[in-house]
C-alpha atoms as a PDB file:
ATOM      1  CA  UNK A   1     -40.660  57.176 148.088  1.00  0.00           C
ATOM      2  CA  UNK A   2     -39.108  59.868 145.884  1.00  0.00           C
ATOM      3  CA  UNK A   3     -35.851  60.034 143.955  1.00  0.00           C
ATOM      4  CA  UNK A   4     -33.046  61.571 145.959  1.00  0.00           C
ATOM      5  CA  UNK A   5     -31.184  64.578 144.619  1.00  0.00           C
ATOM      6  CA  UNK A   6     -28.154  62.595 143.459  1.00  0.00           C
ATOM      7  CA  UNK A   7     -30.383  60.340 141.326  1.00  0.00           C
ATOM      8  CA  UNK A   8     -31.844  63.138 139.246  1.00  0.00           C
ATOM      9  CA  UNK A   9     -28.652  65.208 139.156  1.00  0.00           C
ATOM     10  CA  UNK A  10     -26.911  62.150 137.665  1.00  0.00           C
ATOM     11  CA  UNK A  11     -29.272  62.485 134.699  1.00  0.00           C
ATOM     12  CA  UNK A  12     -29.630  66.251 134.456  1.00  0.00           C
ATOM     13  CA  UNK A  13     -25.910  67.157 134.538  1.00  0.00           C
ATOM     14  CA  UNK A  14     -24.988  65.138 131.392  1.00  0.00           C
ATOM     15  CA  UNK A  15     -28.297  66.190 129.821  1.00  0.00           C
ATOM     16  CA  UNK A  16     -27.386  69.880 130.105  1.00  0.00           C
ATOM     17  CA  UNK A  17     -23.971  69.205 128.594  1.00  0.00           C
ATOM     18  CA  UNK A  18     -25.409  67.143 125.736  1.00  0.00           C
ATOM     19  CA  UNK A  19     -27.925  69.871 124.926  1.00  0.00           C
ATOM     20  CA  UNK A  20     -25.296  72.624 124.914  1.00  0.00           C
ATOM     21  CA  UNK A  21     -22.960  70.557 122.750  1.00  0.00           C
ATOM     22  CA  UNK A  22     -25.496  69.255 120.248  1.00  0.00           C
ATOM     23  CA  UNK A  23     -28.925  70.877 120.123  1.00  0.00           C
ATOM     24  CA  UNK A  24     -29.425  72.521 116.740  1.00  0.00           C
ATOM     25  CA  UNK A  25     -30.199  75.966 118.164  1.00  0.00           C
ATOM     26  CA  UNK A  26     -27.435  76.940 120.677  1.00  0.00           C
ATOM     27  CA  UNK A  27     -29.415  79.796 122.225  1.00  0.00           C
ATOM     28  CA  UNK A  28     -32.369  77.480 122.901  1.00  0.00           C
ATOM     29  CA  UNK A  29     -29.996  74.850 124.313  1.00  0.00           C
ATOM     30  CA  UNK A  30     -28.568  77.431 126.706  1.00  0.00           C
ATOM     31  CA  UNK A  31     -32.054  78.480 127.797  1.00  0.00           C
ATOM     32  CA  UNK A  32     -33.068  74.865 128.438  1.00  0.00           C
ATOM     33  CA  UNK A  33     -29.887  74.189 130.388  1.00  0.00           C
ATOM     34  CA  UNK A  34     -30.362  77.258 132.573  1.00  0.00           C
ATOM     35  CA  UNK A  35     -33.975  76.276 133.225  1.00  0.00           C
ATOM     36  CA  UNK A  36     -32.917  72.814 134.379  1.00  0.00           C
ATOM     37  CA  UNK A  37     -30.190  74.174 136.648  1.00  0.00           C
ATOM     38  CA  UNK A  38     -32.643  76.586 138.270  1.00  0.00           C
ATOM     39  CA  UNK A  39     -35.160  73.801 138.861  1.00  0.00           C
ATOM     40  CA  UNK A  40     -32.454  71.610 140.410  1.00  0.00           C
ATOM     41  CA  UNK A  41     -31.308  74.452 142.691  1.00  0.00           C
ATOM     42  CA  UNK A  42     -34.913  74.873 143.874  1.00  0.00           C
ATOM     43  CA  UNK A  43     -35.350  71.119 144.354  1.00  0.00           C
ATOM     44  CA  UNK A  44     -38.335  71.143 141.994  1.00  0.00           C
ATOM     45  CA  UNK A  45     -37.795  67.509 141.004  1.00  0.00           C
ATOM     46  CA  UNK A  46     -37.762  66.190 144.573  1.00  0.00           C
ATOM     47  CA  UNK A  47     -41.367  64.925 144.321  1.00  0.00           C
ATOM     48  CA  UNK A  48     -40.634  62.709 141.315  1.00  0.00           C
ATOM     49  CA  UNK A  49     -40.953  59.060 142.359  1.00  0.00           C
ATOM     50  CA  UNK A  50     -39.220  57.084 139.587  1.00  0.00           C
ATOM     51  CA  UNK A  51     -36.601  57.554 136.893  1.00  0.00           C
ATOM     52  CA  UNK A  52     -39.243  56.755 134.280  1.00  0.00           C
ATOM     53  CA  UNK A  53     -41.448  59.544 135.624  1.00  0.00           C
ATOM     54  CA  UNK A  54     -38.474  61.899 135.692  1.00  0.00           C
ATOM     55  CA  UNK A  55     -37.895  61.245 131.965  1.00  0.00           C
ATOM     56  CA  UNK A  56     -41.488  62.241 131.256  1.00  0.00           C
ATOM     57  CA  UNK A  57     -41.284  65.372 133.396  1.00  0.00           C
ATOM     58  CA  UNK A  58     -37.965  66.485 131.893  1.00  0.00           C
ATOM     59  CA  UNK A  59     -39.285  65.938 128.357  1.00  0.00           C
ATOM     60  CA  UNK A  60     -42.276  68.155 129.117  1.00  0.00           C
ATOM     61  CA  UNK A  61     -40.041  70.850 130.629  1.00  0.00           C
ATOM     62  CA  UNK A  62     -37.638  70.844 127.668  1.00  0.00           C
ATOM     63  CA  UNK A  63     -40.468  71.024 125.146  1.00  0.00           C
ATOM     64  CA  UNK A  64     -42.030  74.001 126.915  1.00  0.00           C
ATOM     65  CA  UNK A  65     -38.985  75.988 125.826  1.00  0.00           C
ATOM     66  CA  UNK A  66     -37.917  74.285 122.598  1.00  0.00           C
ATOM     67  CA  UNK A  67     -41.373  73.339 121.217  1.00  0.00           C
ATOM     68  CA  UNK A  68     -39.415  70.458 119.647  1.00  0.00           C
ATOM     69  CA  UNK A  69     -41.357  67.179 119.523  1.00  0.00           C
ATOM     70  CA  UNK A  70     -38.234  65.220 118.587  1.00  0.00           C
ATOM     71  CA  UNK A  71     -36.578  66.118 121.902  1.00  0.00           C
ATOM     72  CA  UNK A  72     -37.344  63.262 124.295  1.00  0.00           C
ATOM     73  CA  UNK A  73     -35.863  61.373 127.238  1.00  0.00           C
ATOM     74  CA  UNK A  74     -36.422  57.629 127.429  1.00  0.00           C
ATOM     75  CA  UNK A  75     -36.050  55.107 130.232  1.00  0.00           C
ATOM     76  CA  UNK A  76     -35.011  51.504 129.549  1.00  0.00           C
ATOM     77  CA  UNK A  77     -34.933  48.631 132.029  1.00  0.00           C
ATOM     78  CA  UNK A  78     -32.063  47.129 130.037  1.00  0.00           C
ATOM     79  CA  UNK A  79     -28.637  48.446 131.016  1.00  0.00           C
ATOM     80  CA  UNK A  80     -26.787  50.172 128.178  1.00  0.00           C
ATOM     81  CA  UNK A  81     -23.277  51.521 127.825  1.00  0.00           C
ATOM     82  CA  UNK A  82     -22.641  55.213 128.379  1.00  0.00           C
ATOM     83  CA  UNK A  83     -19.428  55.016 126.360  1.00  0.00           C
ATOM     84  CA  UNK A  84     -20.182  56.753 123.062  1.00  0.00           C
ATOM     85  CA  UNK A  85     -18.548  54.176 120.781  1.00  0.00           C
ATOM     86  CA  UNK A  86     -20.013  51.215 122.639  1.00  0.00           C
ATOM     87  CA  UNK A  87     -23.402  52.931 122.713  1.00  0.00           C
ATOM     88  CA  UNK A  88     -23.333  53.413 118.945  1.00  0.00           C
ATOM     89  CA  UNK A  89     -22.535  49.724 118.468  1.00  0.00           C
ATOM     90  CA  UNK A  90     -25.400  48.722 120.775  1.00  0.00           C
ATOM     91  CA  UNK A  91     -27.802  51.039 118.970  1.00  0.00           C
ATOM     92  CA  UNK A  92     -26.805  49.615 115.589  1.00  0.00           C
ATOM     93  CA  UNK A  93     -27.238  46.017 116.738  1.00  0.00           C
ATOM     94  CA  UNK A  94     -30.641  46.808 118.223  1.00  0.00           C
ATOM     95  CA  UNK A  95     -31.678  48.656 115.079  1.00  0.00           C
ATOM     96  CA  UNK A  96     -30.656  45.862 112.708  1.00  0.00           C
ATOM     97  CA  UNK A  97     -32.741  43.377 114.657  1.00  0.00           C
ATOM     98  CA  UNK A  98     -35.810  45.570 115.131  1.00  0.00           C
ATOM     99  CA  UNK A  99     -35.861  46.829 111.528  1.00  0.00           C
ATOM    100  CA  UNK A 100     -35.778  43.282 110.165  1.00  0.00           C
ATOM    101  CA  UNK A 101     -38.616  42.174 112.441  1.00  0.00           C
ATOM    102  CA  UNK A 102     -40.486  45.307 111.330  1.00  0.00           C
ATOM    103  CA  UNK A 103     -40.099  44.148 107.688  1.00  0.00           C
ATOM    104  CA  UNK A 104     -38.293  47.449 107.172  1.00  0.00           C
ATOM    105  CA  UNK A 105     -41.538  49.343 107.660  1.00  0.00           C
ATOM    106  CA  UNK A 106     -43.540  47.671 104.885  1.00  0.00           C
ATOM    107  CA  UNK A 107     -46.633  46.294 106.608  1.00  0.00           C
ATOM    108  CA  UNK A 108     -48.819  45.775 103.542  1.00  0.00           C
ATOM    109  CA  UNK A 109     -48.328  46.020  99.775  1.00  0.00           C
ATOM    110  CA  UNK A 110     -51.245  45.088  97.538  1.00  0.00           C
ATOM    111  CA  UNK A 111     -53.291  45.631  94.417  1.00  0.00           C
ATOM    112  CA  UNK A 112     -56.743  46.944  95.286  1.00  0.00           C
ATOM    113  CA  UNK A 113     -59.762  46.436  93.019  1.00  0.00           C
ATOM    114  CA  UNK A 114     -59.633  48.859  90.116  1.00  0.00           C
ATOM    115  CA  UNK A 115     -55.895  48.188  89.789  1.00  0.00           C
ATOM    116  CA  UNK A 116     -54.924  50.657  92.502  1.00  0.00           C
ATOM    117  CA  UNK A 117     -51.637  50.168  94.345  1.00  0.00           C
ATOM    118  CA  UNK A 118     -51.546  50.425  98.122  1.00  0.00           C
ATOM    119  CA  UNK A 119     -48.506  50.548 100.426  1.00  0.00           C
ATOM    120  CA  UNK A 120     -48.901  50.683 104.197  1.00  0.00           C
ATOM    121  CA  UNK A 121     -45.501  52.011 105.274  1.00  0.00           C
ATOM    122  CA  UNK A 122     -44.838  52.410 109.014  1.00  0.00           C
ATOM    123  CA  UNK A 123     -41.214  53.633 108.985  1.00  0.00           C
ATOM    124  CA  UNK A 124     -38.502  54.785 106.577  1.00  0.00           C
ATOM    125  CA  UNK A 125     -35.640  52.439 107.405  1.00  0.00           C
ATOM    126  CA  UNK A 126     -32.029  52.867 106.313  1.00  0.00           C
ATOM    127  CA  UNK A 127     -31.786  51.809 102.635  1.00  0.00           C
ATOM    128  CA  UNK A 128     -28.514  50.072 103.464  1.00  0.00           C
ATOM    129  CA  UNK A 129     -30.744  47.324 104.882  1.00  0.00           C
ATOM    130  CA  UNK A 130     -34.198  48.214 103.507  1.00  0.00           C
ATOM    131  CA  UNK A 131     -33.559  49.046  99.834  1.00  0.00           C
ATOM    132  CA  UNK A 132     -34.259  45.527  98.576  1.00  0.00           C
ATOM    133  CA  UNK A 133     -37.599  45.364 100.381  1.00  0.00           C
ATOM    134  CA  UNK A 134     -38.460  48.856  99.143  1.00  0.00           C
ATOM    135  CA  UNK A 135     -37.611  47.969  95.554  1.00  0.00           C
ATOM    136  CA  UNK A 136     -39.678  44.777  95.803  1.00  0.00           C
ATOM    137  CA  UNK A 137     -42.630  46.774  97.129  1.00  0.00           C
ATOM    138  CA  UNK A 138     -42.414  49.286  94.291  1.00  0.00           C
ATOM    139  CA  UNK A 139     -42.086  46.442  91.819  1.00  0.00           C
ATOM    140  CA  UNK A 140     -45.329  44.903  93.062  1.00  0.00           C
ATOM    141  CA  UNK A 141     -47.308  48.090  92.423  1.00  0.00           C
ATOM    142  CA  UNK A 142     -45.443  49.136  89.256  1.00  0.00           C
ATOM    143  CA  UNK A 143     -48.308  48.247  86.908  1.00  0.00           C
ATOM    144  CA  UNK A 144     -51.159  49.781  88.870  1.00  0.00           C
ATOM    145  CA  UNK A 145     -53.042  52.862  87.628  1.00  0.00           C
ATOM    146  CA  UNK A 146     -52.657  54.959  90.791  1.00  0.00           C
ATOM    147  CA  UNK A 147     -50.784  54.540  94.067  1.00  0.00           C
ATOM    148  CA  UNK A 148     -51.776  55.171  97.678  1.00  0.00           C
ATOM    149  CA  UNK A 149     -49.019  55.557 100.284  1.00  0.00           C
ATOM    150  CA  UNK A 150     -50.513  55.106 103.739  1.00  0.00           C
ATOM    151  CA  UNK A 151     -48.351  57.028 106.225  1.00  0.00           C
ATOM    152  CA  UNK A 152     -50.997  57.447 108.908  1.00  0.00           C
ATOM    153  CA  UNK A 153     -49.014  55.210 111.291  1.00  0.00           C
ATOM    154  CA  UNK A 154     -45.547  56.313 110.187  1.00  0.00           C
ATOM    155  CA  UNK A 155     -43.424  58.095 112.778  1.00  0.00           C
ATOM    156  CA  UNK A 156     -40.479  58.879 110.499  1.00  0.00           C
ATOM    157  CA  UNK A 157     -37.079  57.404 109.783  1.00  0.00           C
ATOM    158  CA  UNK A 158     -34.050  57.821 107.555  1.00  0.00           C
ATOM    159  CA  UNK A 159     -33.943  60.681 104.984  1.00  0.00           C
ATOM    160  CA  UNK A 160     -31.893  58.402 102.706  1.00  0.00           C
ATOM    161  CA  UNK A 161     -34.893  56.069 102.462  1.00  0.00           C
ATOM    162  CA  UNK A 162     -37.147  59.050 101.823  1.00  0.00           C
ATOM    163  CA  UNK A 163     -34.922  59.939  98.858  1.00  0.00           C
ATOM    164  CA  UNK A 164     -34.770  56.306  97.695  1.00  0.00           C
ATOM    165  CA  UNK A 165     -38.544  55.787  97.569  1.00  0.00           C
ATOM    166  CA  UNK A 166     -39.180  59.244  96.148  1.00  0.00           C
ATOM    167  CA  UNK A 167     -36.845  58.350  93.275  1.00  0.00           C
ATOM    168  CA  UNK A 168     -39.370  55.779  92.053  1.00  0.00           C
ATOM    169  CA  UNK A 169     -41.997  58.496  91.663  1.00  0.00           C
ATOM    170  CA  UNK A 170     -39.883  60.787  89.479  1.00  0.00           C
ATOM    171  CA  UNK A 171     -37.902  60.557  86.244  1.00  0.00           C
ATOM    172  CA  UNK A 172     -34.249  59.499  86.271  1.00  0.00           C
ATOM    173  CA  UNK A 173     -32.973  63.085  86.122  1.00  0.00           C
ATOM    174  CA  UNK A 174     -31.623  63.828  89.639  1.00  0.00           C
ATOM    175  CA  UNK A 175     -33.844  66.089  91.746  1.00  0.00           C
ATOM    176  CA  UNK A 176     -32.723  67.955  94.855  1.00  0.00           C
ATOM    177  CA  UNK A 177     -35.284  66.965  97.471  1.00  0.00           C
ATOM    178  CA  UNK A 178     -34.038  68.446 100.712  1.00  0.00           C
ATOM    179  CA  UNK A 179     -31.033  69.682 102.663  1.00  0.00           C
ATOM    180  CA  UNK A 180     -30.174  69.352 106.342  1.00  0.00           C
ATOM    181  CA  UNK A 181     -27.987  71.689 108.346  1.00  0.00           C
ATOM    182  CA  UNK A 182     -26.117  69.867 111.134  1.00  0.00           C
ATOM    183  CA  UNK A 183     -24.848  71.952 114.018  1.00  0.00           C
ATOM    184  CA  UNK A 184     -22.087  69.603 115.364  1.00  0.00           C
ATOM    185  CA  UNK A 185     -20.195  69.743 112.051  1.00  0.00           C
ATOM    186  CA  UNK A 186     -21.537  73.164 111.038  1.00  0.00           C
ATOM    187  CA  UNK A 187     -22.269  71.581 107.683  1.00  0.00           C
ATOM    188  CA  UNK A 188     -25.036  70.993 105.143  1.00  0.00           C
ATOM    189  CA  UNK A 189     -25.983  67.672 103.583  1.00  0.00           C
ATOM    190  CA  UNK A 190     -28.093  67.503 100.436  1.00  0.00           C
ATOM    191  CA  UNK A 191     -30.465  64.683  99.544  1.00  0.00           C
ATOM    192  CA  UNK A 192     -31.162  63.920  95.879  1.00  0.00           C
ATOM    193  CA  UNK A 193     -33.141  61.296  94.000  1.00  0.00           C
ATOM    194  CA  UNK A 194     -31.315  58.163  92.882  1.00  0.00           C
ATOM    195  CA  UNK A 195     -30.560  58.014  89.108  1.00  0.00           C
ATOM    196  CA  UNK A 196     -30.388  54.206  88.838  1.00  0.00           C
ATOM    197  CA  UNK A 197     -33.015  51.902  90.355  1.00  0.00           C
ATOM    198  CA  UNK A 198     -33.543  48.143  90.291  1.00  0.00           C
ATOM    199  CA  UNK A 199     -37.307  48.285  89.703  1.00  0.00           C
ATOM    200  CA  UNK A 200     -39.591  50.144  87.291  1.00  0.00           C
ATOM    201  CA  UNK A 201     -40.268  53.816  88.043  1.00  0.00           C
ATOM    202  CA  UNK A 202     -43.786  54.956  88.873  1.00  0.00           C
ATOM    203  CA  UNK A 203     -44.187  58.111  86.792  1.00  0.00           C
ATOM    204  CA  UNK A 204     -47.071  59.919  85.059  1.00  0.00           C
ATOM    205  CA  UNK A 205     -49.630  58.262  87.339  1.00  0.00           C
ATOM    206  CA  UNK A 206     -51.445  59.707  90.368  1.00  0.00           C
ATOM    207  CA  UNK A 207     -49.931  59.291  93.835  1.00  0.00           C
ATOM    208  CA  UNK A 208     -51.912  59.861  97.018  1.00  0.00           C
ATOM    209  CA  UNK A 209     -50.397  60.109 100.513  1.00  0.00           C
ATOM    210  CA  UNK A 210     -52.537  59.476 103.592  1.00  0.00           C
ATOM    211  CA  UNK A 211     -51.578  61.395 106.750  1.00  0.00           C
ATOM    212  CA  UNK A 212     -52.657  61.692 110.368  1.00  0.00           C
ATOM    213  CA  UNK A 213     -51.596  63.778 113.340  1.00  0.00           C
ATOM    214  CA  UNK A 214     -49.243  60.874 114.163  1.00  0.00           C
ATOM    215  CA  UNK A 215     -47.412  61.153 110.820  1.00  0.00           C
ATOM    216  CA  UNK A 216     -44.049  62.591 111.812  1.00  0.00           C
ATOM    217  CA  UNK A 217     -40.460  63.445 110.891  1.00  0.00           C
ATOM    218  CA  UNK A 218     -39.260  61.443 107.846  1.00  0.00           C
ATOM    219  CA  UNK A 219     -42.839  60.620 106.894  1.00  0.00           C
ATOM    220  CA  UNK A 220     -43.521  64.347 106.902  1.00  0.00           C
ATOM    221  CA  UNK A 221     -40.461  64.982 104.754  1.00  0.00           C
ATOM    222  CA  UNK A 222     -41.673  62.448 102.179  1.00  0.00           C
ATOM    223  CA  UNK A 223     -45.082  64.165 102.107  1.00  0.00           C
ATOM    224  CA  UNK A 224     -43.681  67.717 102.171  1.00  0.00           C
ATOM    225  CA  UNK A 225     -41.149  67.108  99.400  1.00  0.00           C
ATOM    226  CA  UNK A 226     -43.680  65.516  97.064  1.00  0.00           C
ATOM    227  CA  UNK A 227     -46.220  68.226  97.786  1.00  0.00           C
ATOM    228  CA  UNK A 228     -43.736  70.958  96.872  1.00  0.00           C
ATOM    229  CA  UNK A 229     -42.816  69.045  93.700  1.00  0.00           C
ATOM    230  CA  UNK A 230     -46.556  68.739  92.914  1.00  0.00           C
ATOM    231  CA  UNK A 231     -46.069  64.990  92.516  1.00  0.00           C
ATOM    232  CA  UNK A 232     -48.557  63.754  95.132  1.00  0.00           C
ATOM    233  CA  UNK A 233     -51.893  64.687  96.650  1.00  0.00           C
ATOM    234  CA  UNK A 234     -51.817  64.739 100.455  1.00  0.00           C
ATOM    235  CA  UNK A 235     -55.059  63.553 102.048  1.00  0.00           C
ATOM    236  CA  UNK A 236     -55.845  63.392 105.756  1.00  0.00           C
ATOM    237  CA  UNK A 237     -54.870  65.350 108.835  1.00  0.00           C
ATOM    238  CA  UNK A 238     -52.216  67.992 109.475  1.00  0.00           C
ATOM    239  CA  UNK A 239     -49.078  66.081 110.457  1.00  0.00           C
ATOM    240  CA  UNK A 240     -47.147  66.194 113.740  1.00  0.00           C
ATOM    241  CA  UNK A 241     -44.640  68.924 112.897  1.00  0.00           C
ATOM    242  CA  UNK A 242     -41.144  67.538 113.480  1.00  0.00           C
ATOM    243  CA  UNK A 243     -38.401  68.564 111.035  1.00  0.00           C
ATOM    244  CA  UNK A 244     -35.254  68.440 113.167  1.00  0.00           C
ATOM    245  CA  UNK A 245     -33.177  65.233 112.790  1.00  0.00           C
ATOM    246  CA  UNK A 246     -30.939  64.097 115.606  1.00  0.00           C
ATOM    247  CA  UNK A 247     -29.170  61.377 117.543  1.00  0.00           C
ATOM    248  CA  UNK A 248     -29.632  59.282 120.686  1.00  0.00           C
ATOM    249  CA  UNK A 249     -27.305  60.123 123.584  1.00  0.00           C
ATOM    250  CA  UNK A 250     -26.986  57.656 126.444  1.00  0.00           C
ATOM    251  CA  UNK A 251     -26.974  59.709 129.672  1.00  0.00           C
ATOM    252  CA  UNK A 252     -26.903  56.846 132.180  1.00  0.00           C
ATOM    253  CA  UNK A 253     -27.130  53.080 131.925  1.00  0.00           C
ATOM    254  CA  UNK A 254     -30.930  53.363 131.861  1.00  0.00           C
ATOM    255  CA  UNK A 255     -31.681  56.823 130.456  1.00  0.00           C
ATOM    256  CA  UNK A 256     -31.153  58.197 126.963  1.00  0.00           C
ATOM    257  CA  UNK A 257     -32.202  61.360 125.195  1.00  0.00           C
ATOM    258  CA  UNK A 258     -32.900  62.041 121.541  1.00  0.00           C
ATOM    259  CA  UNK A 259     -31.391  65.440 120.750  1.00  0.00           C
ATOM    260  CA  UNK A 260     -32.126  67.111 117.410  1.00  0.00           C
ATOM    261  CA  UNK A 261     -28.838  68.389 116.025  1.00  0.00           C
ATOM    262  CA  UNK A 262     -30.029  69.534 112.596  1.00  0.00           C
ATOM    263  CA  UNK A 263     -32.830  71.218 110.692  1.00  0.00           C
ATOM    264  CA  UNK A 264     -34.404  70.624 107.302  1.00  0.00           C
ATOM    265  CA  UNK A 265     -34.262  73.189 104.482  1.00  0.00           C
ATOM    266  CA  UNK A 266     -36.454  72.487 101.481  1.00  0.00           C
ATOM    267  CA  UNK A 267     -34.879  73.847  98.245  1.00  0.00           C
ATOM    268  CA  UNK A 268     -38.240  75.156  97.004  1.00  0.00           C
ATOM    269  CA  UNK A 269     -39.649  76.796 100.139  1.00  0.00           C
ATOM    270  CA  UNK A 270     -36.319  77.396 101.938  1.00  0.00           C
ATOM    271  CA  UNK A 271     -38.058  76.311 105.133  1.00  0.00           C
ATOM    272  CA  UNK A 272     -39.656  73.184 106.607  1.00  0.00           C
ATOM    273  CA  UNK A 273     -42.634  71.791 108.528  1.00  0.00           C
ATOM    274  CA  UNK A 274     -41.249  72.163 112.068  1.00  0.00           C
ATOM    275  CA  UNK A 275     -44.000  73.106 114.507  1.00  0.00           C
ATOM    276  CA  UNK A 276     -46.664  73.502 111.814  1.00  0.00           C
ATOM    277  CA  UNK A 277     -46.834  70.098 110.156  1.00  0.00           C
ATOM    278  CA  UNK A 278     -47.593  69.303 106.536  1.00  0.00           C
ATOM    279  CA  UNK A 279     -50.887  70.768 105.407  1.00  0.00           C
ATOM    280  CA  UNK A 280     -53.003  68.270 103.425  1.00  0.00           C
ATOM    281  CA  UNK A 281     -54.307  69.161  99.978  1.00  0.00           C
ATOM    282  CA  UNK A 282     -57.565  67.556 101.085  1.00  0.00           C
ATOM    283  CA  UNK A 283     -58.111  67.746 104.826  1.00  0.00           C
ATOM    284  CA  UNK A 284     -60.203  65.014 106.385  1.00  0.00           C
ATOM    285  CA  UNK A 285     -60.084  62.691 109.379  1.00  0.00           C
ATOM    286  CA  UNK A 286     -57.402  60.005 109.477  1.00  0.00           C
ATOM    287  CA  UNK A 287     -60.139  57.367 109.343  1.00  0.00           C
ATOM    288  CA  UNK A 288     -61.749  58.971 106.312  1.00  0.00           C
ATOM    289  CA  UNK A 289     -58.523  59.586 104.381  1.00  0.00           C
ATOM    290  CA  UNK A 290     -58.340  56.182 102.712  1.00  0.00           C
ATOM    291  CA  UNK A 291     -61.884  56.385 101.356  1.00  0.00           C
ATOM    292  CA  UNK A 292     -61.269  59.826  99.857  1.00  0.00           C
ATOM    293  CA  UNK A 293     -58.035  58.701  98.176  1.00  0.00           C
ATOM    294  CA  UNK A 294     -59.471  55.412  96.916  1.00  0.00           C
ATOM    295  CA  UNK A 295     -62.488  57.157  95.369  1.00  0.00           C
ATOM    296  CA  UNK A 296     -60.247  59.650  93.592  1.00  0.00           C
ATOM    297  CA  UNK A 297     -58.065  56.802  92.299  1.00  0.00           C
ATOM    298  CA  UNK A 298     -61.062  54.819  91.044  1.00  0.00           C
ATOM    299  CA  UNK A 299     -62.496  57.863  89.272  1.00  0.00           C
ATOM    300  CA  UNK A 300     -59.100  58.320  87.626  1.00  0.00           C
ATOM    301  CA  UNK A 301     -59.297  54.768  86.259  1.00  0.00           C
ATOM    302  CA  UNK A 302     -62.820  55.344  84.950  1.00  0.00           C
ATOM    303  CA  UNK A 303     -61.863  58.643  83.299  1.00  0.00           C
ATOM    304  CA  UNK A 304     -58.726  57.074  81.829  1.00  0.00           C
ATOM    305  CA  UNK A 305     -60.354  54.026  80.252  1.00  0.00           C
ATOM    306  CA  UNK A 306     -64.025  54.888  79.729  1.00  0.00           C
ATOM    307  CA  UNK A 307     -64.964  53.597  76.254  1.00  0.00           C
ATOM    308  CA  UNK A 308     -61.727  51.648  75.882  1.00  0.00           C
ATOM    309  CA  UNK A 309     -62.003  48.482  73.826  1.00  0.00           C
ATOM    310  CA  UNK A 310     -59.481  46.579  75.908  1.00  0.00           C
ATOM    311  CA  UNK A 311     -59.897  48.032  79.403  1.00  0.00           C
ATOM    312  CA  UNK A 312     -63.662  48.016  79.749  1.00  0.00           C
ATOM    313  CA  UNK A 313     -63.363  45.276  82.391  1.00  0.00           C
ATOM    314  CA  UNK A 314     -61.194  47.566  84.521  1.00  0.00           C
ATOM    315  CA  UNK A 315     -63.758  50.356  84.301  1.00  0.00           C
ATOM    316  CA  UNK A 316     -66.423  47.926  85.443  1.00  0.00           C
ATOM    317  CA  UNK A 317     -64.218  46.796  88.335  1.00  0.00           C
ATOM    318  CA  UNK A 318     -63.693  50.392  89.429  1.00  0.00           C
ATOM    319  CA  UNK A 319     -67.395  51.239  89.122  1.00  0.00           C
ATOM    320  CA  UNK A 320     -68.329  48.184  91.165  1.00  0.00           C
ATOM    321  CA  UNK A 321     -65.987  49.293  93.953  1.00  0.00           C
ATOM    322  CA  UNK A 322     -67.457  52.787  93.953  1.00  0.00           C
ATOM    323  CA  UNK A 323     -70.963  51.415  94.439  1.00  0.00           C
ATOM    324  CA  UNK A 324     -69.759  49.701  97.615  1.00  0.00           C
ATOM    325  CA  UNK A 325     -68.403  52.907  99.143  1.00  0.00           C
END
């Protein structure tokens, strides 16, 4: 059994409107809308069997034109409100619950042998709820000799959290990290480092960021910003290539779409990583990235304290780890 015409038109009609009203590039939105209307007129979606399958097919069709990996339709078995205000409330409630269960993205924070800090961060959550956890994480690694941020499983998040965590890696003097242009308001929003923090800053020590082809969006911004500021060494794979922030629009009770309504503008490059990803300083496989970073960090410890009267034990610890690798 296939979906009847009314079932897919119920999704596509509000989708076309949402794209034309919100997608960051109006000309691309118009092209996508016209493509969808042509396909509907030719009954090209009549062979689709389920709403879930239709979401996948429409996502593929939209991306063929936009090349935008953020643009995505999603099916949910749970009924949700199509009223904008009610939808925003539902999204916020769902987010608050899921982000807490996710430990605000911090999956592992530890001191590795050789006194190397390691943070496995899976998402950049809103600092309104995640700042305390982020500060605690940075406090735990504050006295290490080098720091590894593992973003290989990080699909993005809130640019405010990107700015918050980046602040720990720089001096207190405010630094302009990024700007976003938002089409709906025809406005720009700047993101700067935070001048006052609750934990010790991590400055004048090496920072390594691990990436994979899954690393995306906010995780790419964190990597891209620090690379341009020459504050971190990026190790791993070229990232996914998504630089356009956006918002979830509920099209029907079961179907939503994430529509990018903005674009990133780095103050140094005056561009972003959309479609090309963040290029690593040291390119290697995602599985090999940790080993490369850890070796570099351990060699830093050895170089820093070789011959030291008080830190000879740390040199020995680092050397012992290197022999195991």
